[in-house]
């Protein structure tokens, strides 16, 4: 399994735009995270579990929406 950070970023961007074009800084304040966190996840870089939970909560997302299951390779 792999967490898709870029997909989470896109979902948050859609949420931000749907809130009347809210700034990333404003979304960060509402989420209680630093604005630089959005830069990190836009690059596919992970964050702490605590920050992940805050981001999921602000968008009312389920973690399963962003988890990709890879098929096992045959050896």
PDB file of N, CA and C in Angstrom:
ATOM      1  N   UNK A   1       0.839  -1.182   0.000  1.00  0.00           N
ATOM      2  CA  UNK A   1       0.000   0.000   0.000  1.00  0.00           C
ATOM      3  C   UNK A   1       0.881   1.240   0.000  1.00  0.00           C
ATOM      4  N   UNK A   2       0.340   2.274  -0.577  1.00  0.00           N
ATOM      5  CA  UNK A   2       1.069   3.539  -0.650  1.00  0.00           C
ATOM      6  C   UNK A   2       0.071   4.683  -0.498  1.00  0.00           C
ATOM      7  N   UNK A   3       0.456   5.681   0.289  1.00  0.00           N
ATOM      8  CA  UNK A   3      -0.391   6.858   0.437  1.00  0.00           C
ATOM      9  C   UNK A   3      -0.080   7.826  -0.688  1.00  0.00           C
ATOM     10  N   UNK A   4      -1.118   8.323  -1.357  1.00  0.00           N
ATOM     11  CA  UNK A   4      -0.954   9.234  -2.493  1.00  0.00           C
ATOM     12  C   UNK A   4      -1.060  10.683  -1.995  1.00  0.00           C
ATOM     13  N   UNK A   5       0.083  11.272  -1.678  1.00  0.00           N
ATOM     14  CA  UNK A   5       0.131  12.633  -1.137  1.00  0.00           C
ATOM     15  C   UNK A   5      -0.335  13.665  -2.155  1.00  0.00           C
ATOM     16  N   UNK A   6      -0.006  13.425  -3.421  1.00  0.00           N
ATOM     17  CA  UNK A   6      -0.415  14.381  -4.457  1.00  0.00           C
ATOM     18  C   UNK A   6      -1.932  14.394  -4.635  1.00  0.00           C
ATOM     19  N   UNK A   7      -2.562  13.245  -4.461  1.00  0.00           N
ATOM     20  CA  UNK A   7      -4.025  13.178  -4.555  1.00  0.00           C
ATOM     21  C   UNK A   7      -4.658  13.941  -3.392  1.00  0.00           C
ATOM     22  N   UNK A   8      -4.066  13.829  -2.203  1.00  0.00           N
ATOM     23  CA  UNK A   8      -4.555  14.600  -1.052  1.00  0.00           C
ATOM     24  C   UNK A   8      -4.398  16.089  -1.323  1.00  0.00           C
ATOM     25  N   UNK A   9      -3.259  16.472  -1.867  1.00  0.00           N
ATOM     26  CA  UNK A   9      -3.030  17.889  -2.189  1.00  0.00           C
ATOM     27  C   UNK A   9      -4.094  18.396  -3.161  1.00  0.00           C
ATOM     28  N   UNK A  10      -4.391  17.602  -4.182  1.00  0.00           N
ATOM     29  CA  UNK A  10      -5.397  18.009  -5.172  1.00  0.00           C
ATOM     30  C   UNK A  10      -6.771  18.155  -4.526  1.00  0.00           C
ATOM     31  N   UNK A  11      -7.112  17.234  -3.631  1.00  0.00           N
ATOM     32  CA  UNK A  11      -8.397  17.318  -2.932  1.00  0.00           C
ATOM     33  C   UNK A  11      -8.459  18.578  -2.070  1.00  0.00           C
ATOM     34  N   UNK A  12      -7.353  18.894  -1.391  1.00  0.00           N
ATOM     35  CA  UNK A  12      -7.308  20.100  -0.572  1.00  0.00           C
ATOM     36  C   UNK A  12      -7.377  21.354  -1.433  1.00  0.00           C
ATOM     37  N   UNK A  13      -6.750  21.305  -2.603  1.00  0.00           N
ATOM     38  CA  UNK A  13      -6.806  22.444  -3.525  1.00  0.00           C
ATOM     39  C   UNK A  13      -8.243  22.661  -4.005  1.00  0.00           C
ATOM     40  N   UNK A  14      -8.942  21.571  -4.306  1.00  0.00           N
ATOM     41  CA  UNK A  14     -10.347  21.682  -4.714  1.00  0.00           C
ATOM     42  C   UNK A  14     -11.182  22.254  -3.578  1.00  0.00           C
ATOM     43  N   UNK A  15     -10.917  21.805  -2.354  1.00  0.00           N
ATOM     44  CA  UNK A  15     -11.620  22.326  -1.182  1.00  0.00           C
ATOM     45  C   UNK A  15     -11.368  23.824  -1.027  1.00  0.00           C
ATOM     46  N   UNK A  16     -10.114  24.209  -1.177  1.00  0.00           N
ATOM     47  CA  UNK A  16      -9.706  25.614  -1.045  1.00  0.00           C
ATOM     48  C   UNK A  16     -10.400  26.474  -2.092  1.00  0.00           C
ATOM     49  N   UNK A  17     -10.394  26.015  -3.328  1.00  0.00           N
ATOM     50  CA  UNK A  17     -11.028  26.770  -4.408  1.00  0.00           C
ATOM     51  C   UNK A  17     -12.536  26.842  -4.239  1.00  0.00           C
ATOM     52  N   UNK A  18     -13.115  25.768  -3.678  1.00  0.00           N
ATOM     53  CA  UNK A  18     -14.553  25.749  -3.435  1.00  0.00           C
ATOM     54  C   UNK A  18     -14.982  26.654  -2.293  1.00  0.00           C
ATOM     55  N   UNK A  19     -14.013  27.116  -1.514  1.00  0.00           N
ATOM     56  CA  UNK A  19     -14.296  28.038  -0.396  1.00  0.00           C
ATOM     57  C   UNK A  19     -14.074  29.477  -0.830  1.00  0.00           C
ATOM     58  N   UNK A  20     -14.393  29.766  -2.064  1.00  0.00           N
ATOM     59  CA  UNK A  20     -14.258  31.127  -2.571  1.00  0.00           C
ATOM     60  C   UNK A  20     -12.836  31.543  -2.860  1.00  0.00           C
ATOM     61  N   UNK A  21     -11.977  30.574  -3.178  1.00  0.00           N
ATOM     62  CA  UNK A  21     -10.586  30.907  -3.505  1.00  0.00           C
ATOM     63  C   UNK A  21      -9.753  31.196  -2.269  1.00  0.00           C
ATOM     64  N   UNK A  22     -10.028  30.477  -1.194  1.00  0.00           N
ATOM     65  CA  UNK A  22      -9.283  30.640   0.056  1.00  0.00           C
ATOM     66  C   UNK A  22      -7.782  30.453  -0.188  1.00  0.00           C
ATOM     67  N   UNK A  23      -6.974  31.226   0.500  1.00  0.00           N
ATOM     68  CA  UNK A  23      -5.521  31.107   0.341  1.00  0.00           C
ATOM     69  C   UNK A  23      -5.016  29.863   1.074  1.00  0.00           C
ATOM     70  N   UNK A  24      -3.854  29.389   0.642  1.00  0.00           N
ATOM     71  CA  UNK A  24      -3.224  28.266   1.327  1.00  0.00           C
ATOM     72  C   UNK A  24      -2.914  28.630   2.772  1.00  0.00           C
ATOM     73  N   UNK A  25      -2.507  29.854   2.990  1.00  0.00           N
ATOM     74  CA  UNK A  25      -2.188  30.307   4.354  1.00  0.00           C
ATOM     75  C   UNK A  25      -3.426  30.235   5.255  1.00  0.00           C
ATOM     76  N   UNK A  26      -4.559  30.656   4.716  1.00  0.00           N
ATOM     77  CA  UNK A  26      -5.805  30.605   5.476  1.00  0.00           C
ATOM     78  C   UNK A  26      -6.214  29.159   5.763  1.00  0.00           C
ATOM     79  N   UNK A  27      -6.080  28.302   4.763  1.00  0.00           N
ATOM     80  CA  UNK A  27      -6.398  26.888   4.959  1.00  0.00           C
ATOM     81  C   UNK A  27      -5.461  26.277   5.998  1.00  0.00           C
ATOM     82  N   UNK A  28      -4.202  26.656   5.973  1.00  0.00           N
ATOM     83  CA  UNK A  28      -3.234  26.164   6.956  1.00  0.00           C
ATOM     84  C   UNK A  28      -3.634  26.590   8.360  1.00  0.00           C
ATOM     85  N   UNK A  29      -4.068  27.836   8.501  1.00  0.00           N
ATOM     86  CA  UNK A  29      -4.500  28.338   9.805  1.00  0.00           C
ATOM     87  C   UNK A  29      -5.710  27.554  10.299  1.00  0.00           C
ATOM     88  N   UNK A  30      -6.677  27.334   9.420  1.00  0.00           N
ATOM     89  CA  UNK A  30      -7.876  26.569   9.808  1.00  0.00           C
ATOM     90  C   UNK A  30      -7.536  25.124  10.153  1.00  0.00           C
ATOM     91  N   UNK A  31      -6.526  24.569   9.474  1.00  0.00           N
ATOM     92  CA  UNK A  31      -6.123  23.182   9.686  1.00  0.00           C
ATOM     93  C   UNK A  31      -5.147  23.023  10.843  1.00  0.00           C
ATOM     94  N   UNK A  32      -4.631  24.155  11.335  1.00  0.00           N
ATOM     95  CA  UNK A  32      -3.624  24.163  12.393  1.00  0.00           C
ATOM     96  C   UNK A  32      -2.340  23.459  11.976  1.00  0.00           C
ATOM     97  N   UNK A  33      -1.910  23.744  10.735  1.00  0.00           N
ATOM     98  CA  UNK A  33      -0.631  23.269  10.209  1.00  0.00           C
ATOM     99  C   UNK A  33       0.108  24.466   9.624  1.00  0.00           C
ATOM    100  N   UNK A  34       1.369  24.287   9.286  1.00  0.00           N
ATOM    101  CA  UNK A  34       2.129  25.370   8.673  1.00  0.00           C
ATOM    102  C   UNK A  34       1.848  25.409   7.171  1.00  0.00           C
ATOM    103  N   UNK A  35       1.875  26.592   6.567  1.00  0.00           N
ATOM    104  CA  UNK A  35       1.640  26.686   5.118  1.00  0.00           C
ATOM    105  C   UNK A  35       2.644  25.862   4.299  1.00  0.00           C
ATOM    106  N   UNK A  36       3.859  25.715   4.796  1.00  0.00           N
ATOM    107  CA  UNK A  36       4.876  24.962   4.051  1.00  0.00           C
ATOM    108  C   UNK A  36       4.518  23.482   3.922  1.00  0.00           C
ATOM    109  N   UNK A  37       3.627  23.004   4.760  1.00  0.00           N
ATOM    110  CA  UNK A  37       3.198  21.609   4.669  1.00  0.00           C
ATOM    111  C   UNK A  37       2.553  21.332   3.319  1.00  0.00           C
ATOM    112  N   UNK A  38       1.806  22.294   2.805  1.00  0.00           N
ATOM    113  CA  UNK A  38       1.149  22.103   1.509  1.00  0.00           C
ATOM    114  C   UNK A  38       2.171  21.995   0.381  1.00  0.00           C
ATOM    115  N   UNK A  39       3.267  22.714   0.487  1.00  0.00           N
ATOM    116  CA  UNK A  39       4.336  22.593  -0.504  1.00  0.00           C
ATOM    117  C   UNK A  39       4.916  21.187  -0.463  1.00  0.00           C
ATOM    118  N   UNK A  40       5.159  20.692   0.740  1.00  0.00           N
ATOM    119  CA  UNK A  40       5.726  19.346   0.894  1.00  0.00           C
ATOM    120  C   UNK A  40       4.823  18.284   0.268  1.00  0.00           C
ATOM    121  N   UNK A  41       3.530  18.326   0.601  1.00  0.00           N
ATOM    122  CA  UNK A  41       2.667  17.265   0.084  1.00  0.00           C
ATOM    123  C   UNK A  41       2.410  17.419  -1.413  1.00  0.00           C
ATOM    124  N   UNK A  42       2.503  18.644  -1.932  1.00  0.00           N
ATOM    125  CA  UNK A  42       2.345  18.824  -3.385  1.00  0.00           C
ATOM    126  C   UNK A  42       3.486  18.161  -4.141  1.00  0.00           C
ATOM    127  N   UNK A  43       4.610  17.967  -3.456  1.00  0.00           N
ATOM    128  CA  UNK A  43       5.777  17.303  -4.036  1.00  0.00           C
ATOM    129  C   UNK A  43       5.795  15.806  -3.742  1.00  0.00           C
ATOM    130  N   UNK A  44       4.726  15.327  -3.095  1.00  0.00           N
ATOM    131  CA  UNK A  44       4.637  13.909  -2.787  1.00  0.00           C
ATOM    132  C   UNK A  44       5.392  13.497  -1.545  1.00  0.00           C
ATOM    133  N   UNK A  45       5.828  14.476  -0.751  1.00  0.00           N
ATOM    134  CA  UNK A  45       6.588  14.177   0.462  1.00  0.00           C
ATOM    135  C   UNK A  45       5.629  13.964   1.630  1.00  0.00           C
ATOM    136  N   UNK A  46       5.917  12.960   2.455  1.00  0.00           N
ATOM    137  CA  UNK A  46       5.020  12.659   3.575  1.00  0.00           C
ATOM    138  C   UNK A  46       5.128  13.660   4.722  1.00  0.00           C
ATOM    139  N   UNK A  47       4.169  13.584   5.624  1.00  0.00           N
ATOM    140  CA  UNK A  47       4.153  14.403   6.825  1.00  0.00           C
ATOM    141  C   UNK A  47       3.871  13.499   8.014  1.00  0.00           C
ATOM    142  N   UNK A  48       3.801  14.064   9.172  1.00  0.00           N
ATOM    143  CA  UNK A  48       3.528  13.271  10.374  1.00  0.00           C
ATOM    144  C   UNK A  48       2.078  12.786  10.373  1.00  0.00           C
ATOM    145  N   UNK A  49       1.824  11.764  11.162  1.00  0.00           N
ATOM    146  CA  UNK A  49       0.461  11.242  11.285  1.00  0.00           C
ATOM    147  C   UNK A  49      -0.463  12.325  11.848  1.00  0.00           C
ATOM    148  N   UNK A  50       0.028  13.088  12.808  1.00  0.00           N
ATOM    149  CA  UNK A  50      -0.779  14.156  13.394  1.00  0.00           C
ATOM    150  C   UNK A  50      -1.214  15.176  12.362  1.00  0.00           C
ATOM    151  N   UNK A  51      -0.282  15.602  11.517  1.00  0.00           N
ATOM    152  CA  UNK A  51      -0.632  16.562  10.461  1.00  0.00           C
ATOM    153  C   UNK A  51      -1.568  15.942   9.438  1.00  0.00           C
ATOM    154  N   UNK A  52      -1.338  14.679   9.100  1.00  0.00           N
ATOM    155  CA  UNK A  52      -2.211  13.992   8.159  1.00  0.00           C
ATOM    156  C   UNK A  52      -3.641  13.964   8.694  1.00  0.00           C
ATOM    157  N   UNK A  53      -3.803  13.650   9.964  1.00  0.00           N
ATOM    158  CA  UNK A  53      -5.140  13.602  10.548  1.00  0.00           C
ATOM    159  C   UNK A  53      -5.819  14.967  10.508  1.00  0.00           C
ATOM    160  N   UNK A  54      -5.062  16.027  10.729  1.00  0.00           N
ATOM    161  CA  UNK A  54      -5.632  17.381  10.653  1.00  0.00           C
ATOM    162  C   UNK A  54      -6.118  17.691   9.249  1.00  0.00           C
ATOM    163  N   UNK A  55      -5.340  17.285   8.247  1.00  0.00           N
ATOM    164  CA  UNK A  55      -5.717  17.550   6.854  1.00  0.00           C
ATOM    165  C   UNK A  55      -6.939  16.731   6.448  1.00  0.00           C
ATOM    166  N   UNK A  56      -6.993  15.487   6.895  1.00  0.00           N
ATOM    167  CA  UNK A  56      -8.161  14.664   6.590  1.00  0.00           C
ATOM    168  C   UNK A  56      -9.410  15.241   7.250  1.00  0.00           C
ATOM    169  N   UNK A  57      -9.255  15.730   8.462  1.00  0.00           N
ATOM    170  CA  UNK A  57     -10.396  16.277   9.195  1.00  0.00           C
ATOM    171  C   UNK A  57     -10.939  17.542   8.538  1.00  0.00           C
ATOM    172  N   UNK A  58     -10.066  18.430   8.091  1.00  0.00           N
ATOM    173  CA  UNK A  58     -10.521  19.708   7.528  1.00  0.00           C
ATOM    174  C   UNK A  58     -11.361  19.484   6.267  1.00  0.00           C
ATOM    175  N   UNK A  59     -11.045  18.422   5.525  1.00  0.00           N
ATOM    176  CA  UNK A  59     -11.812  18.133   4.312  1.00  0.00           C
ATOM    177  C   UNK A  59     -12.866  17.059   4.498  1.00  0.00           C
ATOM    178  N   UNK A  60     -12.987  16.556   5.739  1.00  0.00           N
ATOM    179  CA  UNK A  60     -13.906  15.458   6.032  1.00  0.00           C
ATOM    180  C   UNK A  60     -13.637  14.273   5.113  1.00  0.00           C
ATOM    181  N   UNK A  61     -12.351  13.973   4.928  1.00  0.00           N
ATOM    182  CA  UNK A  61     -11.920  12.881   4.059  1.00  0.00           C
ATOM    183  C   UNK A  61     -11.688  11.617   4.875  1.00  0.00           C
ATOM    184  N   UNK A  62     -11.740  10.493   4.190  1.00  0.00           N
ATOM    185  CA  UNK A  62     -11.390   9.201   4.757  1.00  0.00           C
ATOM    186  C   UNK A  62     -10.017   8.817   4.217  1.00  0.00           C
ATOM    187  N   UNK A  63      -9.194   8.234   5.047  1.00  0.00           N
ATOM    188  CA  UNK A  63      -7.831   7.898   4.630  1.00  0.00           C
ATOM    189  C   UNK A  63      -7.829   6.970   3.408  1.00  0.00           C
ATOM    190  N   UNK A  64      -8.831   6.108   3.320  1.00  0.00           N
ATOM    191  CA  UNK A  64      -8.905   5.172   2.201  1.00  0.00           C
ATOM    192  C   UNK A  64      -9.029   5.840   0.840  1.00  0.00           C
ATOM    193  N   UNK A  65      -9.459   7.095   0.820  1.00  0.00           N
ATOM    194  CA  UNK A  65      -9.572   7.815  -0.448  1.00  0.00           C
ATOM    195  C   UNK A  65      -8.204   8.068  -1.080  1.00  0.00           C
ATOM    196  N   UNK A  66      -7.155   7.976  -0.271  1.00  0.00           N
ATOM    197  CA  UNK A  66      -5.825   8.351  -0.750  1.00  0.00           C
ATOM    198  C   UNK A  66      -4.808   7.216  -0.672  1.00  0.00           C
ATOM    199  N   UNK A  67      -5.282   6.021  -0.350  1.00  0.00           N
ATOM    200  CA  UNK A  67      -4.398   4.862  -0.261  1.00  0.00           C
ATOM    201  C   UNK A  67      -4.523   4.048  -1.531  1.00  0.00           C
ATOM    202  N   UNK A  68      -3.388   3.727  -2.098  1.00  0.00           N
ATOM    203  CA  UNK A  68      -3.351   2.904  -3.306  1.00  0.00           C
ATOM    204  C   UNK A  68      -2.811   1.533  -2.934  1.00  0.00           C
ATOM    205  N   UNK A  69      -3.499   0.505  -3.379  1.00  0.00           N
ATOM    206  CA  UNK A  69      -3.068  -0.859  -3.122  1.00  0.00           C
ATOM    207  C   UNK A  69      -2.386  -1.372  -4.379  1.00  0.00           C
ATOM    208  N   UNK A  70      -1.166  -1.815  -4.193  1.00  0.00           N
ATOM    209  CA  UNK A  70      -0.423  -2.351  -5.339  1.00  0.00           C
ATOM    210  C   UNK A  70      -0.574  -3.864  -5.358  1.00  0.00           C
ATOM    211  N   UNK A  71      -0.683  -4.399  -6.531  1.00  0.00           N
ATOM    212  CA  UNK A  71      -0.760  -5.858  -6.657  1.00  0.00           C
ATOM    213  C   UNK A  71       0.633  -6.443  -6.415  1.00  0.00           C
ATOM    214  N   UNK A  72       0.648  -7.566  -5.752  1.00  0.00           N
ATOM    215  CA  UNK A  72       1.921  -8.239  -5.488  1.00  0.00           C
ATOM    216  C   UNK A  72       2.516  -8.742  -6.804  1.00  0.00           C
ATOM    217  N   UNK A  73       3.825  -8.615  -6.891  1.00  0.00           N
ATOM    218  CA  UNK A  73       4.514  -9.082  -8.095  1.00  0.00           C
ATOM    219  C   UNK A  73       4.752 -10.591  -8.001  1.00  0.00           C
ATOM    220  N   UNK A  74       4.607 -11.223  -9.111  1.00  0.00           N
ATOM    221  CA  UNK A  74       4.931 -12.650  -9.144  1.00  0.00           C
ATOM    222  C   UNK A  74       6.431 -12.803  -9.247  1.00  0.00           C
ATOM    223  N   UNK A  75       6.960 -13.738  -8.503  1.00  0.00           N
ATOM    224  CA  UNK A  75       8.423 -13.956  -8.542  1.00  0.00           C
ATOM    225  C   UNK A  75       8.794 -15.165  -9.312  1.00  0.00           C
TER     226      UNK A  75
END
